[in-house]
Amino acid sequence: MKLVPFLTATHGRQRLDWTDWLTYAYLAFGLFLMFGPVLWLLASSFKTEAALSEFPPTLLPYGQKTVAVPGEDKPKPVFRVRLPDGTTRELPEIRRIGLTATYVDPARPDEPIRVNVKDREPVREFHLATENYTDLVDKLDFGRYLWNSVFITVVATVITLFFNSMAAFALSKYQFRGRTGVFLFIIATLMVPPAIVLVPNFLIVTELGLLNSLWAVIWPAVATPTGVFMLRQYMLTIPDELLEAARMDHASEWQIYWRIMLPLSAPALAVLAIFSIMWRWNDFLWPLIVLSKAEKFTLQLALNAFQGDLVTQWNYLLAMTVITLLPVTLVFAFLQKYITQGIASAGVK
């Protein structure tokens, strides 16, 4: 393992130097800033709705302890009760009326104990509210929303890679009048705010009859200037002699593009695929505009189902957020080795 010696390396020979302490402190602080909110989100997604509203908040998911009481349909919450004789016991509460709560000993359920509510405190225990995840299937059509998100992400990513790679191939390997102007025009579109083109895109989608269709989410942004620029810069590093040798072997332009340029541009394509998956999977505004039927919603739009004008179901909202983060995290984890290689190579001519 090369990672362990790297992490344990020190500036001093025998002991930690002050620069080592400063470096590790800086790395720990950066690690906390990056992963602290994620860990908080993950832990909070396993909390009950009551635990989320507690103050001060806790990192780990704690819930009130419950026990089964004979004669009661549901488990009852357990409180630490101070009895009139001064002793303290943990008893389940069977009912509360005003400021008086009634408790019972499960061993002697026929002897109720009445105590003022100020003389009690809830007994808490570590509890994972897994029902936050399992209930999602019952509360919404999770499978359909997942399929819509996967379909949009996969199809849009494939089309984006196809169109952007063809444009980059033409701009990097063909000599024609106006090539530089076309490339500058594509790059100039990066300065146009996305909000400006929302209305024109909506009108085009409406005229084409794609409203409330998954293709309405896919087509408007399949060609991205970022992807064209990245792939063009990478393809410039591929020697032109390879293409000339292929032409001498009577290879068609399509065969050159498909069998030579695409395989050699795999690192840059992987980087663009990661970006495209993140863009499509996390997109919220454009699907919200063109999709109004519930059966066409993506997972991001389904998050709105747990947020109302008066009540927000935070426990389900947080669980749904964790689920939507998992695919992007997995894709990034498997393809992250191509990011540095692809971006570094794209800037070298």
Protein backbone atom coordinates (compact mmCIF):
# COMPACT_ATOMS: atom_id res chain seq x y z
CA MET A 1 0.00 0.00 0.00
CA LYS A 2 1.63 3.20 -1.17
CA LEU A 3 -1.06 5.33 0.50
CA VAL A 4 -0.01 4.49 4.08
CA PRO A 5 3.64 5.63 3.73
CA PHE A 6 2.44 8.77 1.97
CA LEU A 7 0.02 9.67 4.75
CA THR A 8 2.53 8.90 7.50
CA ALA A 9 5.46 10.73 5.88
CA THR A 10 6.98 13.52 7.96
CA HIS A 11 9.22 16.47 7.28
CA GLY A 12 11.39 15.66 10.28
CA ARG A 13 13.48 12.50 10.48
CA GLN A 14 12.62 11.23 13.96
CA ARG A 15 9.60 13.24 15.05
CA LEU A 16 6.88 15.46 13.67
CA ASP A 17 8.01 18.91 12.62
CA TRP A 18 5.81 21.97 13.13
CA THR A 19 5.16 21.97 9.40
CA ASP A 20 3.82 18.40 9.73
CA TRP A 21 1.38 19.46 12.44
CA LEU A 22 0.26 22.39 10.33
CA THR A 23 -0.18 20.20 7.25
CA TYR A 24 -2.19 17.51 9.03
CA ALA A 25 -4.34 20.14 10.72
CA TYR A 26 -5.06 21.76 7.36
CA LEU A 27 -5.89 18.38 5.77
CA ALA A 28 -8.16 17.43 8.69
CA PHE A 29 -9.97 20.76 8.45
CA GLY A 30 -10.46 20.35 4.69
CA LEU A 31 -11.66 16.78 5.18
CA PHE A 32 -14.18 17.97 7.75
CA LEU A 33 -15.46 20.73 5.44
CA MET A 34 -15.94 18.30 2.54
CA PHE A 35 -17.39 15.27 4.28
CA GLY A 36 -18.93 16.78 7.41
CA PRO A 37 -22.19 17.86 5.72
CA VAL A 38 -22.42 14.51 3.92
CA LEU A 39 -22.04 12.55 7.16
CA TRP A 40 -24.61 14.79 8.83
CA LEU A 41 -27.04 14.19 5.96
CA LEU A 42 -26.51 10.43 6.09
CA ALA A 43 -26.98 10.26 9.86
CA SER A 44 -30.02 12.54 9.79
CA SER A 45 -31.68 10.39 7.13
CA PHE A 46 -31.96 7.63 9.74
CA LYS A 47 -33.62 9.86 12.33
CA THR A 48 -37.32 9.90 13.10
CA GLU A 49 -39.36 13.00 12.46
CA ALA A 50 -39.43 13.74 16.20
CA ALA A 51 -35.65 13.34 16.51
CA LEU A 52 -35.06 15.80 13.67
CA SER A 53 -37.02 18.50 15.51
CA GLU A 54 -35.08 18.13 18.77
CA PHE A 55 -32.82 20.89 20.02
CA PRO A 56 -29.90 20.78 20.45
CA PRO A 57 -29.48 18.41 17.52
CA THR A 58 -27.32 15.30 17.70
CA LEU A 59 -25.16 13.70 15.05
CA LEU A 60 -26.12 10.08 15.69
CA PRO A 61 -29.74 8.98 15.21
CA TYR A 62 -31.23 8.64 18.67
CA GLY A 63 -34.88 7.87 19.32
CA GLN A 64 -37.07 7.49 22.35
CA LYS A 65 -37.05 4.03 23.86
CA THR A 66 -40.31 2.11 23.63
CA VAL A 67 -41.56 -1.09 25.28
CA ALA A 68 -44.60 -3.30 24.84
CA VAL A 69 -47.22 -2.96 27.57
CA PRO A 70 -49.81 -5.72 28.16
CA GLY A 71 -53.24 -4.59 27.03
CA GLU A 72 -51.89 -1.83 24.73
CA ASP A 73 -51.93 -2.05 20.95
CA LYS A 74 -48.71 -0.14 20.30
CA PRO A 75 -45.37 0.08 22.16
CA LYS A 76 -45.32 2.95 24.62
CA PRO A 77 -42.54 5.54 25.10
CA VAL A 78 -40.30 5.11 28.13
CA PHE A 79 -39.54 8.00 30.49
CA ARG A 80 -37.22 8.36 33.43
CA VAL A 81 -39.73 9.27 36.14
CA ARG A 82 -39.07 10.73 39.57
CA LEU A 83 -41.60 9.16 41.92
CA PRO A 84 -43.15 10.88 44.98
CA ASP A 85 -40.85 8.92 47.32
CA GLY A 86 -37.81 10.44 45.60
CA THR A 87 -36.74 7.35 43.66
CA THR A 88 -36.24 7.32 39.90
CA ARG A 89 -37.47 4.60 37.58
CA GLU A 90 -37.80 4.03 33.87
CA LEU A 91 -41.49 3.49 33.12
CA PRO A 92 -43.62 3.47 29.96
CA GLU A 93 -46.17 6.25 29.58
CA ILE A 94 -49.63 5.00 28.63
CA ARG A 95 -51.41 8.34 28.52
CA ARG A 96 -51.12 12.03 29.30
CA ILE A 97 -53.85 14.45 30.26
CA GLY A 98 -52.76 18.05 30.69
CA LEU A 99 -49.81 18.23 33.09
CA THR A 100 -50.39 14.77 34.50
CA ALA A 101 -48.98 11.64 32.85
CA THR A 102 -49.91 8.08 33.71
CA TYR A 103 -47.21 5.42 33.84
CA VAL A 104 -47.33 1.72 34.49
CA ASP A 105 -44.91 -0.99 35.48
CA PRO A 106 -45.05 -3.76 32.80
CA ALA A 107 -44.67 -6.30 35.60
CA ARG A 108 -47.71 -4.83 37.42
CA PRO A 109 -49.94 -3.25 34.78
CA ASP A 110 -52.91 -2.96 37.18
CA GLU A 111 -51.15 -0.30 39.32
CA PRO A 112 -51.00 3.01 37.38
CA ILE A 113 -48.62 5.72 38.55
CA ARG A 114 -49.52 9.37 37.99
CA VAL A 115 -46.71 11.93 37.88
CA ASN A 116 -46.43 15.56 36.87
CA VAL A 117 -44.82 15.94 33.45
CA LYS A 118 -42.08 18.16 34.85
CA ASP A 119 -40.79 15.20 36.86
CA ARG A 120 -39.95 13.07 33.84
CA GLU A 121 -37.48 12.99 30.97
CA PRO A 122 -37.47 10.74 27.89
CA VAL A 123 -35.15 7.76 27.75
CA ARG A 124 -33.23 7.81 24.50
CA GLU A 125 -31.42 5.00 22.69
CA PHE A 126 -29.60 4.51 19.43
CA HIS A 127 -32.22 3.83 16.78
CA LEU A 128 -31.98 3.63 12.99
CA ALA A 129 -35.25 4.75 11.44
CA THR A 130 -34.99 2.45 8.42
CA GLU A 131 -38.66 3.07 7.74
CA ASN A 132 -37.62 6.39 6.23
CA TYR A 133 -36.32 4.37 3.27
CA THR A 134 -38.78 1.47 3.21
CA ASP A 135 -41.83 3.75 3.35
CA LEU A 136 -40.74 5.56 0.18
CA VAL A 137 -42.09 2.71 -1.92
CA ASP A 138 -45.54 3.12 -0.36
CA LYS A 139 -45.62 6.91 -0.35
CA LEU A 140 -44.60 7.44 -3.99
CA ASP A 141 -44.03 5.52 -7.19
CA PHE A 142 -40.34 5.19 -6.53
CA GLY A 143 -39.63 2.64 -9.26
CA ARG A 144 -41.12 4.82 -11.99
CA TYR A 145 -39.25 7.93 -10.84
CA LEU A 146 -36.01 5.96 -10.67
CA TRP A 147 -36.54 4.63 -14.20
CA ASN A 148 -37.25 8.13 -15.53
CA SER A 149 -34.05 9.49 -13.99
CA VAL A 150 -31.94 6.57 -15.22
CA PHE A 151 -33.40 6.76 -18.73
CA ILE A 152 -32.81 10.50 -19.03
CA THR A 153 -29.29 10.29 -17.60
CA VAL A 154 -28.09 7.33 -19.69
CA VAL A 155 -29.66 8.34 -23.01
CA ALA A 156 -28.68 12.00 -22.67
CA THR A 157 -25.10 11.06 -21.75
CA VAL A 158 -24.74 8.74 -24.76
CA ILE A 159 -26.14 11.35 -27.16
CA THR A 160 -23.99 14.07 -25.60
CA LEU A 161 -20.82 12.02 -26.05
CA PHE A 162 -21.78 11.19 -29.64
CA PHE A 163 -22.60 14.73 -30.79
CA ASN A 164 -19.79 16.46 -28.90
CA SER A 165 -17.16 13.99 -30.08
CA MET A 166 -18.21 14.42 -33.74
CA ALA A 167 -18.05 18.21 -33.41
CA ALA A 168 -14.68 18.01 -31.68
CA PHE A 169 -13.35 15.65 -34.35
CA ALA A 170 -14.32 18.06 -37.12
CA LEU A 171 -12.92 21.11 -35.33
CA SER A 172 -9.62 19.43 -34.46
CA LYS A 173 -8.75 17.37 -37.55
CA TYR A 174 -10.41 19.07 -40.54
CA GLN A 175 -9.17 22.23 -42.21
CA PHE A 176 -11.99 24.39 -43.54
CA ARG A 177 -12.78 28.07 -43.85
CA GLY A 178 -14.35 29.51 -40.72
CA ARG A 179 -13.19 26.72 -38.42
CA THR A 180 -11.78 29.14 -35.86
CA GLY A 181 -14.89 31.30 -36.01
CA VAL A 182 -17.16 28.33 -35.39
CA PHE A 183 -15.05 27.22 -32.45
CA LEU A 184 -15.04 30.73 -30.95
CA PHE A 185 -18.80 30.95 -31.39
CA ILE A 186 -19.24 27.66 -29.51
CA ILE A 187 -16.99 28.85 -26.70
CA ALA A 188 -18.83 32.19 -26.55
CA THR A 189 -22.06 30.39 -25.67
CA LEU A 190 -20.46 29.54 -22.31
CA MET A 191 -21.01 33.17 -21.32
CA VAL A 192 -24.76 32.96 -21.92
CA PRO A 193 -26.61 32.34 -18.62
CA PRO A 194 -28.80 29.22 -18.82
CA ALA A 195 -31.82 31.14 -17.53
CA ILE A 196 -31.86 33.28 -20.68
CA VAL A 197 -32.52 30.31 -23.00
CA LEU A 198 -35.23 28.73 -20.84
CA VAL A 199 -38.10 30.47 -22.63
CA PRO A 200 -36.82 29.83 -26.20
CA ASN A 201 -36.14 26.19 -25.36
CA PHE A 202 -39.61 25.84 -23.87
CA LEU A 203 -41.24 27.30 -26.97
CA ILE A 204 -39.25 24.96 -29.23
CA VAL A 205 -40.14 21.92 -27.13
CA THR A 206 -43.82 22.93 -27.20
CA GLU A 207 -43.86 23.39 -30.98
CA LEU A 208 -42.26 19.99 -31.46
CA GLY A 209 -44.92 18.35 -29.30
CA LEU A 210 -42.42 17.04 -26.76
CA LEU A 211 -43.99 18.65 -23.70
CA ASN A 212 -44.47 16.18 -20.82
CA SER A 213 -42.08 13.78 -22.51
CA LEU A 214 -38.76 12.51 -21.26
CA TRP A 215 -37.24 13.54 -24.60
CA ALA A 216 -38.09 17.14 -23.76
CA VAL A 217 -35.54 16.90 -20.96
CA ILE A 218 -32.94 15.12 -23.09
CA TRP A 219 -32.71 17.01 -26.39
CA PRO A 220 -32.27 20.72 -25.49
CA ALA A 221 -28.79 20.28 -23.98
CA VAL A 222 -27.26 17.28 -25.74
CA ALA A 223 -24.58 19.48 -27.34
CA THR A 224 -22.58 21.28 -24.65
CA PRO A 225 -19.83 23.82 -25.39
CA THR A 226 -17.85 22.49 -22.42
CA GLY A 227 -17.81 19.01 -23.92
CA VAL A 228 -16.85 20.23 -27.40
CA PHE A 229 -13.99 22.30 -26.00
CA MET A 230 -12.68 19.49 -23.78
CA LEU A 231 -12.78 16.84 -26.49
CA ARG A 232 -11.33 19.13 -29.15
CA GLN A 233 -8.36 20.02 -26.97
CA TYR A 234 -7.74 16.34 -26.28
CA MET A 235 -8.08 15.30 -29.92
CA LEU A 236 -5.49 17.90 -30.92
CA THR A 237 -2.92 15.79 -29.06
CA ILE A 238 -3.61 12.78 -31.30
CA PRO A 239 -1.05 12.72 -34.16
CA ASP A 240 -2.44 13.47 -37.60
CA GLU A 241 -0.16 10.76 -39.00
CA LEU A 242 -2.49 8.11 -37.56
CA LEU A 243 -5.37 9.50 -39.59
CA GLU A 244 -3.30 9.79 -42.74
CA ALA A 245 -2.14 6.18 -42.38
CA ALA A 246 -5.76 5.07 -41.99
CA ARG A 247 -6.76 6.98 -45.12
CA MET A 248 -3.93 5.33 -47.04
CA ASP A 249 -5.45 1.99 -45.96
CA HIS A 250 -8.73 3.14 -47.55
CA ALA A 251 -10.49 3.71 -44.23
CA SER A 252 -13.57 5.94 -44.46
CA GLU A 253 -13.94 9.06 -42.36
CA TRP A 254 -16.54 7.30 -40.23
CA GLN A 255 -14.16 4.41 -39.59
CA ILE A 256 -11.41 6.86 -38.62
CA TYR A 257 -13.75 8.56 -36.20
CA TRP A 258 -15.23 5.37 -34.75
CA ARG A 259 -12.17 3.07 -34.64
CA ILE A 260 -9.33 5.53 -34.05
CA MET A 261 -10.46 8.81 -32.55
CA LEU A 262 -13.01 7.50 -30.04
CA PRO A 263 -10.79 4.76 -28.52
CA LEU A 264 -7.84 7.14 -28.24
CA SER A 265 -10.08 9.80 -26.64
CA ALA A 266 -11.40 7.44 -23.95
CA PRO A 267 -9.98 9.43 -20.95
CA ALA A 268 -11.57 12.68 -22.14
CA LEU A 269 -14.83 10.88 -22.94
CA ALA A 270 -14.85 9.42 -19.43
CA VAL A 271 -14.47 12.88 -17.92
CA LEU A 272 -17.28 14.26 -20.06
CA ALA A 273 -19.43 11.24 -19.15
CA ILE A 274 -18.96 11.98 -15.45
CA PHE A 275 -19.91 15.62 -15.94
CA SER A 276 -22.91 14.72 -18.10
CA ILE A 277 -24.20 12.19 -15.58
CA MET A 278 -23.91 14.74 -12.79
CA TRP A 279 -25.67 17.41 -14.89
CA ARG A 280 -28.52 15.16 -15.95
CA TRP A 281 -29.07 13.34 -12.69
CA ASN A 282 -29.10 16.52 -10.57
CA ASP A 283 -31.05 18.66 -13.03
CA PHE A 284 -34.15 20.14 -11.42
CA LEU A 285 -35.17 23.41 -13.06
CA TRP A 286 -35.59 22.25 -16.68
CA PRO A 287 -37.54 19.04 -15.84
CA LEU A 288 -39.72 21.14 -13.53
CA ILE A 289 -40.60 23.40 -16.48
CA VAL A 290 -41.34 20.78 -19.15
CA LEU A 291 -42.79 17.97 -17.01
CA SER A 292 -46.13 18.46 -15.30
CA LYS A 293 -47.44 14.88 -15.20
CA ALA A 294 -46.49 12.94 -12.07
CA GLU A 295 -45.72 9.74 -13.98
CA LYS A 296 -42.98 11.60 -15.90
CA PHE A 297 -41.25 13.04 -12.83
CA THR A 298 -37.61 12.33 -12.02
CA LEU A 299 -36.28 11.61 -8.56
CA GLN A 300 -35.30 15.26 -8.14
CA LEU A 301 -38.87 16.38 -8.83
CA ALA A 302 -40.23 13.65 -6.56
CA LEU A 303 -38.42 15.33 -3.66
CA ASN A 304 -41.08 18.04 -3.81
CA ALA A 305 -43.70 15.50 -2.76
CA PHE A 306 -42.39 15.67 0.82
CA GLN A 307 -42.35 19.46 0.97
CA GLY A 308 -45.63 21.31 1.37
CA ASP A 309 -46.74 24.83 2.18
CA LEU A 310 -47.33 24.05 5.86
CA VAL A 311 -45.60 20.75 6.62
CA THR A 312 -42.32 19.31 5.37
CA GLN A 313 -41.58 15.63 5.97
CA TRP A 314 -37.88 16.06 6.62
CA ASN A 315 -37.21 12.42 7.47
CA TYR A 316 -38.40 11.22 4.05
CA LEU A 317 -36.86 14.21 2.28
CA LEU A 318 -33.42 13.46 3.72
CA ALA A 319 -33.71 9.74 2.91
CA MET A 320 -34.70 10.55 -0.66
CA THR A 321 -31.76 12.95 -0.94
CA VAL A 322 -29.33 10.23 0.12
CA ILE A 323 -30.78 7.87 -2.49
CA THR A 324 -30.37 10.48 -5.25
CA LEU A 325 -26.74 11.04 -4.23
CA LEU A 326 -25.71 7.38 -4.37
CA PRO A 327 -25.61 6.87 -8.19
CA VAL A 328 -23.52 9.99 -8.80
CA THR A 329 -21.17 9.01 -5.98
CA LEU A 330 -20.68 5.52 -7.39
CA VAL A 331 -20.05 6.81 -10.91
CA PHE A 332 -17.52 9.32 -9.63
CA ALA A 333 -15.79 6.66 -7.50
CA PHE A 334 -15.34 4.28 -10.45
CA LEU A 335 -14.36 6.89 -13.05
CA GLN A 336 -12.48 9.45 -10.96
CA LYS A 337 -9.08 8.12 -12.09
CA TYR A 338 -9.82 9.48 -15.57
CA ILE A 339 -10.60 13.01 -14.38
CA THR A 340 -7.04 14.19 -13.75
CA GLN A 341 -5.70 12.38 -16.80
CA GLY A 342 -8.41 13.65 -19.11
CA ILE A 343 -8.40 17.26 -17.93
CA ALA A 344 -4.59 17.45 -17.92
CA SER A 345 -4.31 15.97 -21.39
CA ALA A 346 -7.08 18.20 -22.75
CA GLY A 347 -5.02 21.28 -21.99
CA VAL A 348 -1.85 20.02 -23.70
CA LYS A 349 -1.44 20.69 -27.40
